C-alpha atoms as a PDB file:
ATOM      1  CA  MET A   1     -26.033  -0.311 -14.263  1.00  0.00           C
ATOM      2  CA  SER A   2     -28.842  -0.698 -11.749  1.00  0.00           C
ATOM      3  CA  GLU A   3     -29.476  -4.285 -12.791  1.00  0.00           C
ATOM      4  CA  THR A   4     -25.845  -5.299 -12.272  1.00  0.00           C
ATOM      5  CA  GLY A   5     -25.312  -3.342  -9.061  1.00  0.00           C
ATOM      6  CA  ILE A   6     -22.626  -1.113 -10.538  1.00  0.00           C
ATOM      7  CA  GLN A   7     -22.497   2.188  -8.667  1.00  0.00           C
ATOM      8  CA  THR A   8     -19.580   3.976 -10.329  1.00  0.00           C
ATOM      9  CA  ALA A   9     -19.230   4.877 -13.991  1.00  0.00           C
ATOM     10  CA  VAL A  10     -15.912   6.101 -15.356  1.00  0.00           C
ATOM     11  CA  VAL A  11     -16.200   7.810 -18.734  1.00  0.00           C
ATOM     12  CA  GLY A  12     -13.044   8.537 -20.710  1.00  0.00           C
ATOM     13  CA  MET A  13     -13.085  10.783 -23.767  1.00  0.00           C
ATOM     14  CA  GLU A  14     -10.309  11.967 -26.021  1.00  0.00           C
ATOM     15  CA  ALA A  15      -9.953  15.742 -26.048  1.00  0.00           C
ATOM     16  CA  THR A  16     -11.367  17.032 -29.317  1.00  0.00           C
ATOM     17  CA  SER A  17     -11.127  20.787 -28.919  1.00  0.00           C
ATOM     18  CA  VAL A  18     -14.685  22.097 -28.483  1.00  0.00           C
ATOM     19  CA  TYR A  19     -16.366  19.127 -30.190  1.00  0.00           C
ATOM     20  CA  GLY A  20     -16.638  16.989 -27.058  1.00  0.00           C
ATOM     21  CA  ASP A  21     -17.733  19.798 -24.736  1.00  0.00           C
ATOM     22  CA  ASP A  22     -21.457  19.385 -25.434  1.00  0.00           C
ATOM     23  CA  LEU A  23     -21.306  15.628 -24.913  1.00  0.00           C
ATOM     24  CA  LEU A  24     -19.402  16.040 -21.662  1.00  0.00           C
ATOM     25  CA  CYS A  25     -21.911  18.625 -20.392  1.00  0.00           C
ATOM     26  CA  PHE A  26     -24.826  16.389 -21.385  1.00  0.00           C
ATOM     27  CA  LEU A  27     -23.376  13.393 -19.545  1.00  0.00           C
ATOM     28  CA  ARG A  28     -22.675  15.469 -16.433  1.00  0.00           C
ATOM     29  CA  GLU A  29     -26.237  16.816 -16.342  1.00  0.00           C
ATOM     30  CA  ASP A  30     -28.132  13.699 -17.466  1.00  0.00           C
ATOM     31  CA  ALA A  31     -30.773  12.809 -14.866  1.00  0.00           C
ATOM     32  CA  ALA A  32     -30.579   9.083 -15.667  1.00  0.00           C
ATOM     33  CA  LEU A  33     -26.890   9.036 -14.718  1.00  0.00           C
ATOM     34  CA  ALA A  34     -27.238  11.399 -11.752  1.00  0.00           C
ATOM     35  CA  LYS A  35     -28.037   8.584  -9.315  1.00  0.00           C
ATOM     36  CA  PHE A  36     -24.646   6.975  -9.941  1.00  0.00           C
ATOM     37  CA  ASP A  37     -21.180   8.014  -8.882  1.00  0.00           C
ATOM     38  CA  ARG A  38     -19.746   9.380 -12.143  1.00  0.00           C
ATOM     39  CA  LYS A  39     -16.173  10.201 -12.996  1.00  0.00           C
ATOM     40  CA  PHE A  40     -15.269  11.905 -16.260  1.00  0.00           C
ATOM     41  CA  ARG A  41     -11.782  11.955 -17.713  1.00  0.00           C
ATOM     42  CA  VAL A  42     -10.642  13.887 -20.763  1.00  0.00           C
ATOM     43  CA  LEU A  43      -7.631  12.160 -22.287  1.00  0.00           C
ATOM     44  CA  ASN A  44      -4.797  13.553 -24.359  1.00  0.00           C
ATOM     45  CA  PRO A  45      -5.164  12.084 -27.895  1.00  0.00           C
ATOM     46  CA  ARG A  46      -1.391  11.807 -28.292  1.00  0.00           C
ATOM     47  CA  GLN A  47      -1.100   9.731 -25.128  1.00  0.00           C
ATOM     48  CA  VAL A  48      -4.025   7.548 -26.233  1.00  0.00           C
ATOM     49  CA  LYS A  49      -2.332   6.908 -29.582  1.00  0.00           C
ATOM     50  CA  LYS A  50       1.003   6.062 -27.948  1.00  0.00           C
ATOM     51  CA  PHE A  51      -0.742   3.666 -25.563  1.00  0.00           C
ATOM     52  CA  LYS A  52      -2.616   2.067 -28.464  1.00  0.00           C
ATOM     53  CA  ASP A  53       0.603   1.691 -30.477  1.00  0.00           C
ATOM     54  CA  ALA A  54       2.370   0.127 -27.505  1.00  0.00           C
ATOM     55  CA  HIS A  55      -0.514  -2.258 -26.804  1.00  0.00           C
ATOM     56  CA  SER A  56      -1.858  -3.007 -30.267  1.00  0.00           C
ATOM     57  CA  ASN A  57      -3.292  -6.353 -29.132  1.00  0.00           C
ATOM     58  CA  PHE A  58      -5.893  -4.637 -26.886  1.00  0.00           C
ATOM     59  CA  PRO A  59      -9.389  -4.192 -28.356  1.00  0.00           C
ATOM     60  CA  LYS A  60     -10.547  -0.617 -28.854  1.00  0.00           C
ATOM     61  CA  GLN A  61     -13.580  -1.174 -26.649  1.00  0.00           C
ATOM     62  CA  THR A  62     -14.619  -3.802 -24.145  1.00  0.00           C
ATOM     63  CA  PRO A  63     -18.089  -5.251 -23.624  1.00  0.00           C
END
C-alpha cells in the first residue's frame, strides 16, 4: 500500500459466528496496518449470497 500511495484499506468479511473474530482482532491490532486508515466491515452471509446470485458475472475477488 505504501508503494502505491493508497492510504485507506477497506476489509470486508462475511460473518462466521466466532470463527472470524480472531482474524478481525488481529487485523485491527496489526502494527503493519496501523499506519493506514483502516475500515472493517462484517457482512451478512445471506446478503452476500443474494448479491452474488444477482451479479453472477462478477469475479469473487479482484486484483
